Amino acid sequence: MTGASRKPLIDNRLRNVLLSMGACIALMVAYYMAVGQDKIPPDTQIVYQGCDGNPCRAFRLSVDAGGAVTLKSDTGTRHYHVPVFAVQRVARVFKRQDFLDRDIMAYSAGGGPACLLSFETGHRKAALTHACSTPLPEIAKPVSALEDATRFHEVLAGDLVALRDLKVEIAK
């Protein structure tokens, strides 16, 4: 049997699938290790003051590094918690937008209602007063991330599902 070839121990397709799966798992582990080590300082505080709805109802949203949320409005004060990883995600958005290095004088409220967005972390703080309806990405992206993490518009509107899911405590 000089011309007979031996069958490979592992089929080529199976080998390629296993190598691909291994590469995917390695990438996922590397990503989660990088994200997991992105700890935010314990002094981190995010504050957003604005108005919701028409007519404008003023509110003040405050989120700390531990995920404690306080939402004050004319209808009362609401307390609830969001996961720490959600706060880390919001902090990353602020950092990606170089929020702490923004020129605070470059923003103004114009003629409409004014909102205040404040981010404090690692003994650095920036607070921008801007028009609530601004489409500027350096403001709109952090506000959107804050909304996704805290669902504050739903809580302000009294959405029963959001109130139940977040275990919101309402104090008058």
N, C-alpha and C. Protein backbone atom coordinates (compact mmCIF):
# COMPACT_ATOMS: atom_id res chain seq x y z
N MET A 1 0.83 -1.17 0.00
CA MET A 1 0.00 0.00 0.00
C MET A 1 0.87 1.24 0.00
N THR A 2 1.49 1.45 -1.05
CA THR A 2 2.39 2.59 -1.15
C THR A 2 1.63 3.87 -1.43
N GLY A 3 0.51 3.84 -2.13
CA GLY A 3 -0.21 5.06 -2.51
C GLY A 3 -1.34 5.42 -1.57
N ALA A 4 -1.56 4.64 -0.54
CA ALA A 4 -2.67 4.92 0.38
C ALA A 4 -2.29 6.04 1.33
N SER A 5 -3.22 6.96 1.55
CA SER A 5 -2.97 8.05 2.50
C SER A 5 -3.82 7.83 3.75
N ARG A 6 -3.27 8.28 4.82
CA ARG A 6 -4.01 8.15 6.07
C ARG A 6 -4.99 9.30 6.24
N LYS A 7 -6.15 9.01 6.80
CA LYS A 7 -7.16 10.03 7.06
C LYS A 7 -6.68 10.88 8.24
N PRO A 8 -6.77 12.22 8.12
CA PRO A 8 -6.32 13.06 9.23
C PRO A 8 -7.14 12.76 10.49
N LEU A 9 -6.48 12.93 11.63
CA LEU A 9 -7.12 12.64 12.91
C LEU A 9 -8.35 13.55 13.11
N ILE A 10 -8.22 14.82 12.79
CA ILE A 10 -9.34 15.77 12.90
C ILE A 10 -9.60 16.32 11.51
N ASP A 11 -10.83 16.25 11.10
CA ASP A 11 -11.23 16.78 9.80
C ASP A 11 -10.88 18.27 9.74
N ASN A 12 -10.51 18.75 8.57
CA ASN A 12 -10.12 20.15 8.40
C ASN A 12 -11.24 21.11 8.81
N ARG A 13 -12.47 20.78 8.45
CA ARG A 13 -13.59 21.65 8.82
C ARG A 13 -13.75 21.74 10.33
N LEU A 14 -13.68 20.62 10.97
CA LEU A 14 -13.81 20.61 12.43
C LEU A 14 -12.68 21.42 13.06
N ARG A 15 -11.48 21.27 12.55
CA ARG A 15 -10.34 22.03 13.07
C ARG A 15 -10.58 23.53 12.91
N ASN A 16 -11.08 23.96 11.74
CA ASN A 16 -11.33 25.38 11.50
C ASN A 16 -12.42 25.91 12.42
N VAL A 17 -13.46 25.13 12.63
CA VAL A 17 -14.54 25.55 13.54
C VAL A 17 -14.00 25.72 14.95
N LEU A 18 -13.21 24.76 15.41
CA LEU A 18 -12.66 24.84 16.75
C LEU A 18 -11.71 26.03 16.90
N LEU A 19 -10.90 26.29 15.90
CA LEU A 19 -9.99 27.45 15.95
C LEU A 19 -10.78 28.76 15.95
N SER A 20 -11.83 28.84 15.14
CA SER A 20 -12.67 30.04 15.10
C SER A 20 -13.36 30.28 16.44
N MET A 21 -13.90 29.21 17.01
CA MET A 21 -14.56 29.34 18.32
C MET A 21 -13.56 29.78 19.39
N GLY A 22 -12.38 29.23 19.35
CA GLY A 22 -11.34 29.61 20.31
C GLY A 22 -10.96 31.08 20.17
N ALA A 23 -10.84 31.54 18.94
CA ALA A 23 -10.51 32.95 18.70
C ALA A 23 -11.62 33.86 19.20
N CYS A 24 -12.88 33.50 18.96
CA CYS A 24 -14.02 34.29 19.43
C CYS A 24 -14.05 34.36 20.95
N ILE A 25 -13.83 33.24 21.59
CA ILE A 25 -13.84 33.21 23.06
C ILE A 25 -12.70 34.05 23.61
N ALA A 26 -11.54 33.98 22.98
CA ALA A 26 -10.40 34.79 23.43
C ALA A 26 -10.69 36.28 23.29
N LEU A 27 -11.33 36.69 22.21
CA LEU A 27 -11.70 38.10 22.02
C LEU A 27 -12.72 38.54 23.06
N MET A 28 -13.72 37.69 23.34
CA MET A 28 -14.73 38.05 24.34
C MET A 28 -14.09 38.19 25.72
N VAL A 29 -13.21 37.29 26.08
CA VAL A 29 -12.54 37.36 27.38
C VAL A 29 -11.70 38.63 27.46
N ALA A 30 -10.97 38.94 26.41
CA ALA A 30 -10.14 40.15 26.39
C ALA A 30 -11.00 41.40 26.53
N TYR A 31 -12.13 41.44 25.84
CA TYR A 31 -13.03 42.59 25.92
C TYR A 31 -13.57 42.76 27.33
N TYR A 32 -14.08 41.69 27.92
CA TYR A 32 -14.67 41.79 29.25
C TYR A 32 -13.63 42.06 30.32
N MET A 33 -12.41 41.61 30.11
CA MET A 33 -11.36 41.95 31.06
C MET A 33 -11.04 43.43 30.99
N ALA A 34 -11.02 43.99 29.79
CA ALA A 34 -10.74 45.42 29.62
C ALA A 34 -11.88 46.26 30.18
N VAL A 35 -13.10 45.88 29.91
CA VAL A 35 -14.26 46.63 30.38
C VAL A 35 -14.41 46.49 31.88
N GLY A 36 -14.19 45.31 32.39
CA GLY A 36 -14.35 45.06 33.82
C GLY A 36 -13.35 45.82 34.67
N GLN A 37 -12.21 46.15 34.12
CA GLN A 37 -11.20 46.88 34.86
C GLN A 37 -11.38 48.38 34.74
N ASP A 38 -12.41 48.81 34.06
CA ASP A 38 -12.69 50.23 33.89
C ASP A 38 -13.51 50.73 35.08
N LYS A 39 -12.91 50.66 36.25
CA LYS A 39 -13.60 51.08 37.48
C LYS A 39 -13.69 52.59 37.52
N ILE A 40 -14.80 53.06 38.05
CA ILE A 40 -14.94 54.50 38.18
C ILE A 40 -14.64 54.88 39.62
N PRO A 41 -14.05 56.06 39.84
CA PRO A 41 -13.72 56.49 41.19
C PRO A 41 -14.98 56.63 42.05
N PRO A 42 -14.85 56.42 43.36
CA PRO A 42 -16.01 56.49 44.24
C PRO A 42 -16.61 57.89 44.36
N ASP A 43 -15.86 58.92 43.94
CA ASP A 43 -16.41 60.28 44.01
C ASP A 43 -17.21 60.67 42.76
N THR A 44 -17.42 59.73 41.86
CA THR A 44 -18.14 60.02 40.62
C THR A 44 -19.59 60.42 40.92
N GLN A 45 -20.00 61.51 40.31
CA GLN A 45 -21.35 62.03 40.48
C GLN A 45 -21.81 62.60 39.13
N ILE A 46 -22.99 62.21 38.70
CA ILE A 46 -23.57 62.74 37.47
C ILE A 46 -24.88 63.43 37.84
N VAL A 47 -25.03 64.67 37.39
CA VAL A 47 -26.25 65.44 37.69
C VAL A 47 -26.79 65.97 36.38
N TYR A 48 -28.09 65.83 36.22
CA TYR A 48 -28.76 66.40 35.05
C TYR A 48 -30.01 67.12 35.53
N GLN A 49 -30.06 68.42 35.28
CA GLN A 49 -31.22 69.23 35.62
C GLN A 49 -31.85 69.69 34.33
N GLY A 50 -33.13 69.54 34.23
CA GLY A 50 -33.79 69.96 33.00
C GLY A 50 -35.28 70.05 33.19
N CYS A 51 -35.97 69.95 32.07
CA CYS A 51 -37.42 69.95 32.13
C CYS A 51 -37.94 68.87 31.20
N ASP A 52 -39.09 68.35 31.56
CA ASP A 52 -39.67 67.23 30.83
C ASP A 52 -41.09 67.58 30.44
N GLY A 53 -41.43 67.31 29.20
CA GLY A 53 -42.80 67.48 28.75
C GLY A 53 -43.15 68.90 28.36
N ASN A 54 -44.41 69.06 28.01
CA ASN A 54 -44.92 70.36 27.62
C ASN A 54 -46.25 70.54 28.32
N PRO A 55 -46.42 71.40 29.26
CA PRO A 55 -45.46 72.42 29.70
C PRO A 55 -44.29 71.80 30.45
N CYS A 56 -43.24 72.56 30.51
CA CYS A 56 -41.99 72.10 31.09
C CYS A 56 -42.15 71.84 32.59
N ARG A 57 -41.82 70.59 33.00
CA ARG A 57 -41.80 70.22 34.43
C ARG A 57 -40.35 70.03 34.83
N ALA A 58 -39.87 70.88 35.73
CA ALA A 58 -38.46 70.83 36.13
C ALA A 58 -38.16 69.56 36.93
N PHE A 59 -36.95 69.04 36.72
CA PHE A 59 -36.49 67.88 37.48
C PHE A 59 -34.99 67.97 37.69
N ARG A 60 -34.51 67.19 38.66
CA ARG A 60 -33.07 67.09 38.94
C ARG A 60 -32.75 65.62 39.16
N LEU A 61 -31.88 65.08 38.32
CA LEU A 61 -31.46 63.68 38.38
C LEU A 61 -30.03 63.64 38.89
N SER A 62 -29.79 62.80 39.88
CA SER A 62 -28.45 62.65 40.44
C SER A 62 -28.12 61.17 40.53
N VAL A 63 -26.94 60.79 40.02
CA VAL A 63 -26.50 59.40 40.05
C VAL A 63 -25.09 59.36 40.63
N ASP A 64 -24.88 58.46 41.61
CA ASP A 64 -23.53 58.36 42.17
C ASP A 64 -22.83 57.10 41.67
N ALA A 65 -21.58 56.91 42.07
CA ALA A 65 -20.76 55.80 41.57
C ALA A 65 -21.32 54.44 41.95
N GLY A 66 -22.05 54.36 43.04
CA GLY A 66 -22.63 53.09 43.48
C GLY A 66 -23.94 52.74 42.81
N GLY A 67 -24.46 53.64 41.99
CA GLY A 67 -25.70 53.38 41.28
C GLY A 67 -26.94 53.95 41.96
N ALA A 68 -26.76 54.67 43.05
CA ALA A 68 -27.91 55.29 43.73
C ALA A 68 -28.41 56.46 42.89
N VAL A 69 -29.71 56.45 42.61
CA VAL A 69 -30.33 57.49 41.78
C VAL A 69 -31.32 58.26 42.63
N THR A 70 -31.27 59.59 42.54
CA THR A 70 -32.26 60.45 43.18
C THR A 70 -32.84 61.32 42.08
N LEU A 71 -34.15 61.30 41.95
CA LEU A 71 -34.85 62.07 40.93
C LEU A 71 -35.86 62.95 41.63
N LYS A 72 -35.62 64.27 41.60
CA LYS A 72 -36.51 65.23 42.26
C LYS A 72 -37.30 65.98 41.21
N SER A 73 -38.58 66.13 41.46
CA SER A 73 -39.43 66.93 40.59
C SER A 73 -40.54 67.53 41.44
N ASP A 74 -41.44 68.26 40.80
CA ASP A 74 -42.54 68.88 41.54
C ASP A 74 -43.51 67.85 42.12
N THR A 75 -43.46 66.62 41.63
CA THR A 75 -44.36 65.58 42.13
C THR A 75 -43.73 64.75 43.24
N GLY A 76 -42.50 65.05 43.64
CA GLY A 76 -41.87 64.34 44.74
C GLY A 76 -40.45 63.91 44.42
N THR A 77 -39.86 63.21 45.36
CA THR A 77 -38.50 62.71 45.21
C THR A 77 -38.57 61.19 45.08
N ARG A 78 -37.85 60.67 44.10
CA ARG A 78 -37.83 59.23 43.86
C ARG A 78 -36.41 58.72 44.07
N HIS A 79 -36.32 57.59 44.76
CA HIS A 79 -35.02 56.96 45.00
C HIS A 79 -35.05 55.55 44.42
N TYR A 80 -33.97 55.20 43.71
CA TYR A 80 -33.83 53.84 43.22
C TYR A 80 -32.38 53.58 42.86
N HIS A 81 -32.07 52.35 42.50
CA HIS A 81 -30.70 51.97 42.16
C HIS A 81 -30.64 51.43 40.74
N VAL A 82 -29.50 51.68 40.10
CA VAL A 82 -29.19 51.06 38.81
C VAL A 82 -27.88 50.29 39.01
N PRO A 83 -27.61 49.29 38.20
CA PRO A 83 -26.37 48.52 38.35
C PRO A 83 -25.13 49.40 38.16
N VAL A 84 -24.08 49.05 38.88
CA VAL A 84 -22.82 49.81 38.79
C VAL A 84 -22.28 49.77 37.37
N PHE A 85 -22.43 48.63 36.66
CA PHE A 85 -21.92 48.58 35.29
C PHE A 85 -22.65 49.58 34.40
N ALA A 86 -23.92 49.90 34.71
CA ALA A 86 -24.64 50.92 33.93
C ALA A 86 -24.03 52.29 34.16
N VAL A 87 -23.64 52.57 35.40
CA VAL A 87 -22.97 53.85 35.70
C VAL A 87 -21.62 53.90 35.00
N GLN A 88 -20.90 52.77 34.99
CA GLN A 88 -19.61 52.72 34.29
C GLN A 88 -19.80 53.01 32.80
N ARG A 89 -20.87 52.46 32.22
CA ARG A 89 -21.14 52.68 30.80
C ARG A 89 -21.41 54.16 30.52
N VAL A 90 -22.20 54.80 31.39
CA VAL A 90 -22.49 56.23 31.23
C VAL A 90 -21.21 57.04 31.38
N ALA A 91 -20.38 56.70 32.37
CA ALA A 91 -19.12 57.41 32.58
C ALA A 91 -18.21 57.28 31.36
N ARG A 92 -18.20 56.10 30.72
CA ARG A 92 -17.40 55.92 29.51
C ARG A 92 -17.87 56.84 28.39
N VAL A 93 -19.19 57.03 28.29
CA VAL A 93 -19.71 57.93 27.25
C VAL A 93 -19.25 59.35 27.52
N PHE A 94 -19.32 59.79 28.77
CA PHE A 94 -18.83 61.13 29.12
C PHE A 94 -17.35 61.26 28.76
N LYS A 95 -16.56 60.23 29.07
CA LYS A 95 -15.12 60.29 28.78
C LYS A 95 -14.85 60.29 27.28
N ARG A 96 -15.62 59.49 26.51
CA ARG A 96 -15.43 59.46 25.05
C ARG A 96 -15.75 60.81 24.42
N GLN A 97 -16.65 61.56 25.03
CA GLN A 97 -17.02 62.89 24.51
C GLN A 97 -16.09 63.98 25.06
N ASP A 98 -15.04 63.59 25.79
CA ASP A 98 -14.10 64.55 26.42
C ASP A 98 -14.86 65.61 27.20
N PHE A 99 -15.86 65.17 27.95
CA PHE A 99 -16.75 66.09 28.65
C PHE A 99 -15.99 66.96 29.65
N LEU A 100 -15.02 66.39 30.34
CA LEU A 100 -14.30 67.16 31.36
C LEU A 100 -13.40 68.24 30.77
N ASP A 101 -13.11 68.16 29.49
CA ASP A 101 -12.24 69.14 28.84
C ASP A 101 -13.01 70.14 27.98
N ARG A 102 -14.33 70.16 28.07
CA ARG A 102 -15.14 71.07 27.26
C ARG A 102 -15.02 72.50 27.76
N ASP A 103 -15.13 73.44 26.83
CA ASP A 103 -15.17 74.86 27.16
C ASP A 103 -16.61 75.19 27.56
N ILE A 104 -16.82 75.44 28.85
CA ILE A 104 -18.19 75.65 29.33
C ILE A 104 -18.81 76.92 28.78
N MET A 105 -18.01 77.82 28.31
CA MET A 105 -18.54 79.08 27.77
C MET A 105 -19.05 78.91 26.34
N ALA A 106 -18.75 77.80 25.71
CA ALA A 106 -19.16 77.60 24.31
C ALA A 106 -20.62 77.18 24.19
N TYR A 107 -21.29 76.94 25.29
CA TYR A 107 -22.66 76.47 25.26
C TYR A 107 -23.55 77.51 25.93
N SER A 108 -24.72 77.69 25.37
CA SER A 108 -25.68 78.60 25.99
C SER A 108 -27.08 78.03 25.80
N ALA A 109 -27.98 78.50 26.62
CA ALA A 109 -29.34 77.98 26.57
C ALA A 109 -30.13 78.58 25.42
N GLY A 110 -29.68 79.67 24.86
CA GLY A 110 -30.43 80.29 23.78
C GLY A 110 -31.74 80.85 24.33
N GLY A 111 -32.83 80.67 23.58
CA GLY A 111 -34.11 81.21 24.02
C GLY A 111 -35.00 80.20 24.70
N GLY A 112 -34.66 78.93 24.60
CA GLY A 112 -35.51 77.88 25.16
C GLY A 112 -35.16 77.55 26.60
N PRO A 113 -35.79 76.51 27.12
CA PRO A 113 -35.47 76.10 28.49
C PRO A 113 -34.02 75.63 28.61
N ALA A 114 -33.42 75.94 29.75
CA ALA A 114 -32.02 75.60 29.99
C ALA A 114 -31.91 74.31 30.80
N CYS A 115 -30.93 73.50 30.45
CA CYS A 115 -30.61 72.28 31.18
C CYS A 115 -29.17 72.37 31.66
N LEU A 116 -28.88 71.66 32.73
CA LEU A 116 -27.53 71.61 33.28
C LEU A 116 -27.09 70.15 33.31
N LEU A 117 -25.95 69.87 32.73
CA LEU A 117 -25.38 68.53 32.74
C LEU A 117 -24.03 68.62 33.42
N SER A 118 -23.85 67.84 34.50
CA SER A 118 -22.64 67.91 35.30
C SER A 118 -22.06 66.52 35.46
N PHE A 119 -20.73 66.41 35.34
CA PHE A 119 -20.02 65.14 35.50
C PHE A 119 -18.81 65.39 36.37
N GLU A 120 -18.73 64.65 37.47
CA GLU A 120 -17.59 64.78 38.39
C GLU A 120 -17.00 63.39 38.61
N THR A 121 -15.70 63.28 38.41
CA THR A 121 -15.02 62.00 38.62
C THR A 121 -13.54 62.26 38.84
N GLY A 122 -12.93 61.50 39.73
CA GLY A 122 -11.49 61.63 39.96
C GLY A 122 -11.08 63.04 40.34
N HIS A 123 -11.86 63.73 41.15
CA HIS A 123 -11.60 65.09 41.63
C HIS A 123 -11.58 66.12 40.49
N ARG A 124 -12.23 65.81 39.39
CA ARG A 124 -12.40 66.77 38.29
C ARG A 124 -13.89 66.91 38.02
N LYS A 125 -14.31 68.11 37.64
CA LYS A 125 -15.73 68.34 37.43
C LYS A 125 -15.93 69.30 36.26
N ALA A 126 -16.97 69.02 35.48
CA ALA A 126 -17.39 69.93 34.42
C ALA A 126 -18.90 70.01 34.45
N ALA A 127 -19.42 71.20 34.30
CA ALA A 127 -20.87 71.41 34.28
C ALA A 127 -21.20 72.34 33.11
N LEU A 128 -22.10 71.90 32.24
CA LEU A 128 -22.47 72.68 31.07
C LEU A 128 -23.95 73.05 31.14
N THR A 129 -24.24 74.32 30.97
CA THR A 129 -25.61 74.77 30.83
C THR A 129 -25.86 74.90 29.34
N HIS A 130 -26.96 74.32 28.88
CA HIS A 130 -27.22 74.27 27.44
C HIS A 130 -28.73 74.27 27.19
N ALA A 131 -29.10 74.46 25.93
CA ALA A 131 -30.50 74.36 25.55
C ALA A 131 -30.93 72.90 25.68
N CYS A 132 -32.07 72.66 26.32
CA CYS A 132 -32.51 71.28 26.57
C CYS A 132 -32.69 70.49 25.27
N SER A 133 -33.00 71.15 24.20
CA SER A 133 -33.26 70.45 22.94
C SER A 133 -32.03 70.40 22.03
N THR A 134 -30.85 70.61 22.59
CA THR A 134 -29.64 70.65 21.76
C THR A 134 -29.37 69.31 21.06
N PRO A 135 -29.01 69.37 19.78
CA PRO A 135 -28.64 68.14 19.07
C PRO A 135 -27.14 67.87 19.11
N LEU A 136 -26.38 68.69 19.82
CA LEU A 136 -24.92 68.51 19.85
C LEU A 136 -24.56 67.16 20.45
N PRO A 137 -23.74 66.35 19.75
CA PRO A 137 -23.44 65.00 20.22
C PRO A 137 -22.71 64.96 21.56
N GLU A 138 -21.89 65.97 21.85
CA GLU A 138 -21.16 65.94 23.12
C GLU A 138 -22.08 66.11 24.32
N ILE A 139 -23.31 66.55 24.08
CA ILE A 139 -24.31 66.65 25.14
C ILE A 139 -25.38 65.59 24.95
N ALA A 140 -25.84 65.41 23.72
CA ALA A 140 -26.93 64.46 23.46
C ALA A 140 -26.54 63.02 23.77
N LYS A 141 -25.31 62.62 23.48
CA LYS A 141 -24.89 61.23 23.74
C LYS A 141 -24.83 60.91 25.23
N PRO A 142 -24.22 61.76 26.07
CA PRO A 142 -24.26 61.47 27.51
C PRO A 142 -25.68 61.48 28.08
N VAL A 143 -26.51 62.40 27.62
CA VAL A 143 -27.90 62.45 28.11
C VAL A 143 -28.65 61.19 27.70
N SER A 144 -28.43 60.74 26.47
CA SER A 144 -29.07 59.51 25.99
C SER A 144 -28.60 58.30 26.79
N ALA A 145 -27.30 58.23 27.08
CA ALA A 145 -26.77 57.12 27.89
C ALA A 145 -27.34 57.17 29.30
N LEU A 146 -27.50 58.37 29.83
CA LEU A 146 -28.08 58.54 31.16
C LEU A 146 -29.54 58.09 31.17
N GLU A 147 -30.27 58.42 30.11
CA GLU A 147 -31.66 57.99 29.98
C GLU A 147 -31.75 56.46 29.88
N ASP A 148 -30.87 55.87 29.08
CA ASP A 148 -30.87 54.41 28.94
C ASP A 148 -30.58 53.71 30.27
N ALA A 149 -29.65 54.26 31.05
CA ALA A 149 -29.25 53.63 32.31
C ALA A 149 -30.28 53.83 33.41
N THR A 150 -30.88 55.02 33.49
CA THR A 150 -31.76 55.34 34.62
C THR A 150 -33.24 55.33 34.27
N ARG A 151 -33.56 55.42 32.98
CA ARG A 151 -34.96 55.46 32.52
C ARG A 151 -35.74 56.59 33.20
N PHE A 152 -35.07 57.74 33.40
CA PHE A 152 -35.67 58.81 34.19
C PHE A 152 -36.92 59.41 33.56
N HIS A 153 -37.01 59.45 32.23
CA HIS A 153 -38.23 59.98 31.60
C HIS A 153 -39.42 59.07 31.92
N GLU A 154 -39.20 57.76 31.89
CA GLU A 154 -40.28 56.82 32.21
C GLU A 154 -40.70 56.95 33.67
N VAL A 155 -39.72 57.13 34.56
CA VAL A 155 -40.02 57.28 35.98
C VAL A 155 -40.79 58.58 36.21
N LEU A 156 -40.36 59.67 35.55
CA LEU A 156 -41.07 60.94 35.69
C LEU A 156 -42.52 60.84 35.20
N ALA A 157 -42.72 60.08 34.12
CA ALA A 157 -44.05 59.93 33.56
C ALA A 157 -44.93 59.00 34.40
N GLY A 158 -44.34 58.33 35.38
CA GLY A 158 -45.10 57.42 36.23
C GLY A 158 -45.38 56.08 35.58
N ASP A 159 -44.54 55.68 34.63
CA ASP A 159 -44.70 54.39 33.96
C ASP A 159 -44.64 53.27 35.00
N LEU A 160 -45.72 52.55 35.16
CA LEU A 160 -45.81 51.52 36.20
C LEU A 160 -44.78 50.40 36.02
N VAL A 161 -44.49 50.04 34.78
CA VAL A 161 -43.49 49.00 34.53
C VAL A 161 -42.11 49.46 34.97
N ALA A 162 -41.75 50.69 34.62
CA ALA A 162 -40.44 51.23 35.03
C ALA A 162 -40.37 51.36 36.55
N LEU A 163 -41.44 51.84 37.17
CA LEU A 163 -41.45 51.99 38.62
C LEU A 163 -41.27 50.64 39.32
N ARG A 164 -41.93 49.61 38.76
CA ARG A 164 -41.81 48.26 39.34
C ARG A 164 -40.42 47.68 39.09
N ASP A 165 -39.94 47.76 37.85
CA ASP A 165 -38.65 47.17 37.50
C ASP A 165 -37.50 47.78 38.29
N LEU A 166 -37.56 49.08 38.48
CA LEU A 166 -36.47 49.79 39.18
C LEU A 166 -36.67 49.85 40.69
N LYS A 167 -37.82 49.36 41.15
CA LYS A 167 -38.15 49.38 42.60
C LYS A 167 -38.04 50.79 43.15
N VAL A 168 -38.74 51.71 42.49
CA VAL A 168 -38.68 53.13 42.83
C VAL A 168 -39.44 53.40 44.13
N GLU A 169 -38.79 54.12 45.04
CA GLU A 169 -39.43 54.59 46.27
C GLU A 169 -39.74 56.05 46.08
N ILE A 170 -41.00 56.43 46.30
CA ILE A 170 -41.43 57.80 46.10
C ILE A 170 -41.68 58.46 47.45
N ALA A 171 -40.99 59.60 47.68
CA ALA A 171 -41.20 60.38 48.90
C ALA A 171 -41.76 61.73 48.47
N LYS A 172 -42.81 62.14 49.12
CA LYS A 172 -43.44 63.43 48.77
C LYS A 172 -42.71 64.58 49.39
